[in-house]
Protein backbone atom coordinates (compact mmCIF):
# COMPACT_ATOMS: atom_id res chain seq x y z
CA MET A 1 131.12 -181.56 -169.05
CA THR A 2 129.83 -178.54 -167.16
CA ASN A 3 131.64 -176.27 -169.62
CA VAL A 4 129.89 -177.92 -172.57
CA LEU A 5 126.43 -177.84 -170.98
CA LEU A 6 126.70 -174.27 -169.70
CA PHE A 7 128.00 -172.77 -172.93
CA GLY A 8 125.63 -174.90 -175.03
CA LEU A 9 122.69 -173.43 -173.13
CA TRP A 10 124.15 -169.92 -173.49
CA TYR A 11 124.51 -170.38 -177.26
CA TRP A 12 120.94 -171.68 -177.43
CA GLU A 13 119.65 -168.66 -175.50
CA LEU A 14 121.81 -166.18 -177.45
CA ASP A 15 121.10 -167.15 -181.05
CA ARG A 16 118.41 -164.90 -182.56
CA GLY A 17 117.12 -163.90 -179.12
CA GLY A 18 116.51 -167.41 -177.77
CA PRO A 19 114.23 -170.31 -178.68
CA VAL A 20 110.97 -168.39 -178.29
CA GLN A 21 112.12 -165.53 -180.52
CA ARG A 22 113.45 -168.01 -183.11
CA ALA A 23 110.03 -169.65 -183.26
CA ARG A 24 108.27 -166.30 -183.69
CA ARG A 25 110.69 -164.63 -186.12
CA ALA A 26 112.00 -167.01 -188.77
CA GLY A 27 113.87 -164.23 -190.62
CA ALA A 28 115.88 -162.88 -187.67
CA THR A 29 119.61 -162.38 -188.13
CA PRO A 30 121.47 -165.43 -186.81
CA ASP A 31 124.36 -165.27 -184.35
CA PHE A 32 125.73 -168.59 -185.63
CA LEU A 33 126.05 -169.89 -189.20
CA PHE A 34 125.31 -173.60 -189.23
CA PRO A 35 126.28 -175.63 -192.32
CA GLN A 36 122.62 -176.50 -192.89
CA MET A 37 121.88 -172.78 -193.32
CA SER A 38 124.48 -172.26 -196.03
CA SER A 39 123.22 -174.85 -198.50
CA PRO A 40 119.68 -176.19 -198.91
CA LYS A 41 121.00 -179.64 -199.86
CA TYR A 42 122.13 -180.26 -196.25
CA ALA A 43 118.75 -179.83 -194.55
CA PRO A 44 115.04 -179.58 -195.31
CA ALA A 45 113.49 -176.20 -196.09
CA GLY A 46 112.88 -174.12 -192.98
CA TRP A 47 115.46 -175.97 -190.91
CA MET A 48 116.18 -174.35 -187.53
CA PRO A 49 118.88 -175.39 -185.05
CA GLY A 50 117.76 -177.15 -181.89
CA LEU A 51 119.33 -177.56 -178.47
CA ILE A 52 121.38 -180.57 -179.61
CA ASP A 53 122.95 -178.43 -182.35
CA TYR A 54 124.10 -175.84 -179.80
CA LEU A 55 125.41 -178.54 -177.46
CA TYR A 56 127.38 -179.99 -180.38
CA VAL A 57 128.83 -176.54 -181.17
CA SER A 58 129.81 -176.22 -177.52
CA LEU A 59 131.42 -179.67 -177.44
CA THR A 60 133.46 -179.10 -180.60
CA ASN A 61 134.51 -175.62 -179.46
CA ALA A 62 135.66 -176.92 -176.07
CA SER A 63 137.58 -179.86 -177.52
CA ALA A 64 139.17 -178.08 -180.51
CA PHE A 65 139.63 -174.70 -178.75
CA SER A 66 138.13 -173.07 -181.88
CA PRO A 67 134.98 -173.12 -184.01
CA THR A 68 134.74 -176.15 -186.28
CA ASP A 69 131.77 -176.29 -188.65
CA THR A 70 129.53 -173.59 -187.15
CA MET A 71 130.85 -170.04 -187.38
CA PRO A 72 130.05 -167.24 -184.91
CA LEU A 73 128.73 -164.17 -186.75
CA THR A 74 128.20 -161.55 -184.05
CA PRO A 75 130.67 -160.07 -181.57
CA THR A 76 128.74 -161.59 -178.66
CA ALA A 77 128.88 -165.08 -180.17
CA LYS A 78 132.59 -164.66 -180.92
CA SER A 79 133.26 -163.48 -177.36
CA LEU A 80 131.38 -166.41 -175.83
CA MET A 81 133.16 -168.93 -178.04
CA GLY A 82 136.51 -167.36 -177.18
CA ALA A 83 135.70 -167.46 -173.48
CA GLN A 84 134.69 -171.11 -173.70
CA ALA A 85 137.89 -172.05 -175.52
CA LEU A 86 139.93 -170.17 -172.91
CA VAL A 87 138.13 -171.89 -170.02
CA ALA A 88 138.68 -175.29 -171.65
CA LEU A 89 142.37 -174.54 -172.27
CA ILE A 90 142.91 -173.38 -168.68
CA THR A 91 141.12 -176.48 -167.37
CA VAL A 92 143.33 -178.78 -169.44
CA GLY A 93 146.40 -176.87 -168.28
CA LEU A 94 145.42 -177.21 -164.62
CA VAL A 95 144.73 -180.94 -164.98
CA VAL A 96 148.09 -181.51 -166.69
CA ALA A 97 149.91 -179.41 -164.08
CA ARG A 98 148.24 -181.35 -161.27
CA ALA A 99 149.12 -184.68 -162.91
CA VAL A 100 152.76 -183.66 -163.32
CA ASN A 101 152.84 -182.47 -159.70
CA ILE A 102 151.42 -185.77 -158.44
CA LEU A 103 153.92 -187.79 -160.48
CA SER A 104 156.88 -185.74 -159.29
């Protein structure tokens, strides 16, 4: 849970310079490509991702160990998503190892 919240907030702060910069500069280059941005039929005109969108990206990245519907576009976004997947994988590995150790 901490992994999802922490990385979700980092994604929110990273994309296009953070929420304040996104509000000021609508045409800034995105760090993440959301499905709603690729086709106007998926969202109303002028759609911008909110905190819940970044938390969802974080949740799916941590549970699938890879990007699902939202693609990272910049090296920083790719690095953060890779780090999150690695942290999630290590956490699962430690929990499984501990469970096996307890059962032995």
